[in-house]
N, C-alpha and C. Protein backbone atom coordinates (compact mmCIF):
# COMPACT_ATOMS: atom_id res chain seq x y z
N MET A 1 103.66 80.05 84.74
CA MET A 1 103.05 79.09 85.63
C MET A 1 102.52 79.76 86.90
N THR A 2 103.29 80.58 87.54
CA THR A 2 102.87 81.14 88.83
C THR A 2 102.81 82.66 88.79
N CYS A 3 102.43 83.18 87.65
CA CYS A 3 102.47 84.64 87.48
C CYS A 3 101.53 85.37 88.43
N TYR A 4 100.41 84.76 88.83
CA TYR A 4 99.48 85.46 89.71
C TYR A 4 99.97 85.53 91.16
N LEU A 5 100.98 84.73 91.51
CA LEU A 5 101.48 84.73 92.89
C LEU A 5 102.02 86.09 93.32
N ARG A 6 102.52 86.86 92.38
CA ARG A 6 103.05 88.18 92.76
C ARG A 6 101.94 89.06 93.34
N HIS A 7 100.69 88.82 92.91
CA HIS A 7 99.56 89.58 93.42
C HIS A 7 99.17 89.14 94.83
N LEU A 8 99.59 87.94 95.20
CA LEU A 8 99.23 87.39 96.51
C LEU A 8 100.33 87.53 97.54
N LYS A 9 101.45 88.13 97.17
CA LYS A 9 102.62 88.21 98.05
C LYS A 9 102.27 88.84 99.40
N GLU A 10 101.56 89.95 99.40
CA GLU A 10 101.21 90.63 100.65
C GLU A 10 100.30 89.76 101.52
N ILE A 11 99.35 89.09 100.90
CA ILE A 11 98.44 88.22 101.65
C ILE A 11 99.21 87.04 102.24
N LEU A 12 100.10 86.45 101.44
CA LEU A 12 100.89 85.33 101.93
C LEU A 12 101.77 85.76 103.10
N GLU A 13 102.36 86.94 102.99
CA GLU A 13 103.21 87.45 104.07
C GLU A 13 102.41 87.66 105.35
N LYS A 14 101.20 88.19 105.22
CA LYS A 14 100.34 88.38 106.40
C LYS A 14 99.96 87.05 107.03
N ALA A 15 99.93 85.99 106.22
CA ALA A 15 99.63 84.65 106.72
C ALA A 15 100.89 83.97 107.26
N GLY A 16 102.02 84.66 107.20
CA GLY A 16 103.27 84.11 107.71
C GLY A 16 103.96 83.18 106.72
N ILE A 17 103.62 83.31 105.44
CA ILE A 17 104.20 82.48 104.40
C ILE A 17 105.13 83.33 103.55
N GLU A 18 106.40 82.97 103.53
CA GLU A 18 107.36 83.68 102.71
C GLU A 18 107.42 83.00 101.34
N LEU A 19 107.16 83.72 100.29
CA LEU A 19 107.20 83.20 98.93
C LEU A 19 108.64 83.25 98.44
N THR A 20 109.19 82.07 98.16
CA THR A 20 110.57 81.98 97.67
C THR A 20 110.58 81.13 96.40
N SER A 21 111.69 81.15 95.71
CA SER A 21 111.79 80.30 94.51
C SER A 21 111.73 78.83 94.89
N ALA A 22 112.14 78.50 96.11
CA ALA A 22 112.13 77.11 96.56
C ALA A 22 110.72 76.59 96.86
N ASN A 23 109.82 77.46 97.33
CA ASN A 23 108.48 76.98 97.70
C ASN A 23 107.38 77.45 96.75
N ARG A 24 107.74 78.17 95.72
CA ARG A 24 106.79 78.76 94.79
C ARG A 24 105.85 77.72 94.17
N GLN A 25 106.39 76.62 93.68
CA GLN A 25 105.57 75.61 93.03
C GLN A 25 104.65 74.91 94.04
N GLU A 26 105.14 74.66 95.22
CA GLU A 26 104.33 74.02 96.26
C GLU A 26 103.14 74.91 96.63
N ILE A 27 103.39 76.20 96.78
CA ILE A 27 102.31 77.14 97.09
C ILE A 27 101.33 77.23 95.93
N ASP A 28 101.84 77.26 94.72
CA ASP A 28 100.98 77.30 93.54
C ASP A 28 100.07 76.07 93.49
N ARG A 29 100.62 74.90 93.74
CA ARG A 29 99.83 73.66 93.75
C ARG A 29 98.75 73.72 94.83
N ALA A 30 99.11 74.23 96.00
CA ALA A 30 98.14 74.33 97.10
C ALA A 30 97.00 75.27 96.74
N ILE A 31 97.31 76.39 96.12
CA ILE A 31 96.27 77.34 95.72
C ILE A 31 95.34 76.71 94.68
N HIS A 32 95.90 76.00 93.73
CA HIS A 32 95.07 75.30 92.74
C HIS A 32 94.15 74.30 93.44
N ARG A 33 94.70 73.56 94.40
CA ARG A 33 93.90 72.56 95.13
C ARG A 33 92.76 73.23 95.89
N ILE A 34 93.07 74.30 96.60
CA ILE A 34 92.06 75.03 97.37
C ILE A 34 90.99 75.61 96.45
N ALA A 35 91.40 76.12 95.30
CA ALA A 35 90.47 76.72 94.34
C ALA A 35 89.66 75.68 93.58
N GLY A 36 90.07 74.41 93.67
CA GLY A 36 89.36 73.34 92.97
C GLY A 36 89.62 73.35 91.48
N VAL A 37 90.83 73.74 91.10
CA VAL A 37 91.20 73.88 89.70
C VAL A 37 92.38 72.95 89.42
N ASN A 38 92.38 72.31 88.26
CA ASN A 38 93.50 71.44 87.88
C ASN A 38 94.79 72.24 87.86
N TYR A 39 95.87 71.59 88.33
CA TYR A 39 97.16 72.26 88.36
C TYR A 39 97.60 72.67 86.96
N LYS A 40 98.21 73.82 86.89
CA LYS A 40 98.72 74.49 85.70
C LYS A 40 97.63 75.19 84.90
N ASP A 41 96.40 75.23 85.43
CA ASP A 41 95.33 76.01 84.81
C ASP A 41 95.27 77.35 85.55
N CYS A 42 96.34 78.12 85.37
CA CYS A 42 96.50 79.38 86.13
C CYS A 42 95.40 80.41 85.89
N PRO A 43 94.92 80.58 84.66
CA PRO A 43 93.86 81.57 84.48
C PRO A 43 92.62 81.25 85.32
N ASN A 44 92.21 79.99 85.36
CA ASN A 44 91.04 79.64 86.16
C ASN A 44 91.34 79.66 87.65
N ALA A 45 92.54 79.32 88.05
CA ALA A 45 92.92 79.41 89.46
C ALA A 45 92.85 80.87 89.91
N TRP A 46 93.42 81.76 89.12
CA TRP A 46 93.41 83.19 89.47
C TRP A 46 91.98 83.71 89.49
N LYS A 47 91.15 83.27 88.56
CA LYS A 47 89.75 83.70 88.53
C LYS A 47 89.05 83.30 89.82
N GLN A 48 89.29 82.08 90.30
CA GLN A 48 88.69 81.62 91.55
C GLN A 48 89.23 82.38 92.75
N VAL A 49 90.51 82.61 92.76
CA VAL A 49 91.14 83.31 93.89
C VAL A 49 90.60 84.73 94.02
N LYS A 50 90.50 85.42 92.91
CA LYS A 50 90.04 86.82 93.01
C LYS A 50 88.53 86.93 93.01
N GLY A 51 87.81 85.81 92.84
CA GLY A 51 86.35 85.82 92.95
C GLY A 51 85.64 86.36 91.74
N ALA A 52 86.19 86.18 90.57
CA ALA A 52 85.59 86.72 89.35
C ALA A 52 84.26 86.08 89.00
N ASP A 53 84.00 84.87 89.50
CA ASP A 53 82.74 84.21 89.18
C ASP A 53 81.65 84.47 90.20
N ARG A 54 81.93 85.27 91.20
CA ARG A 54 80.94 85.48 92.27
C ARG A 54 80.20 86.74 92.09
């Protein structure tokens, strides 16, 4: 479900967000929302986050 979050750990830390097991799903949902991708569609969310379509 949230496998791509490990790649964002450093960015989240620089933003002052600590990634924990307690907030992992909430952060994942927020990233999906920001990316404009339906929740649990991780491949497309990751594609949008890393800019693969640009």
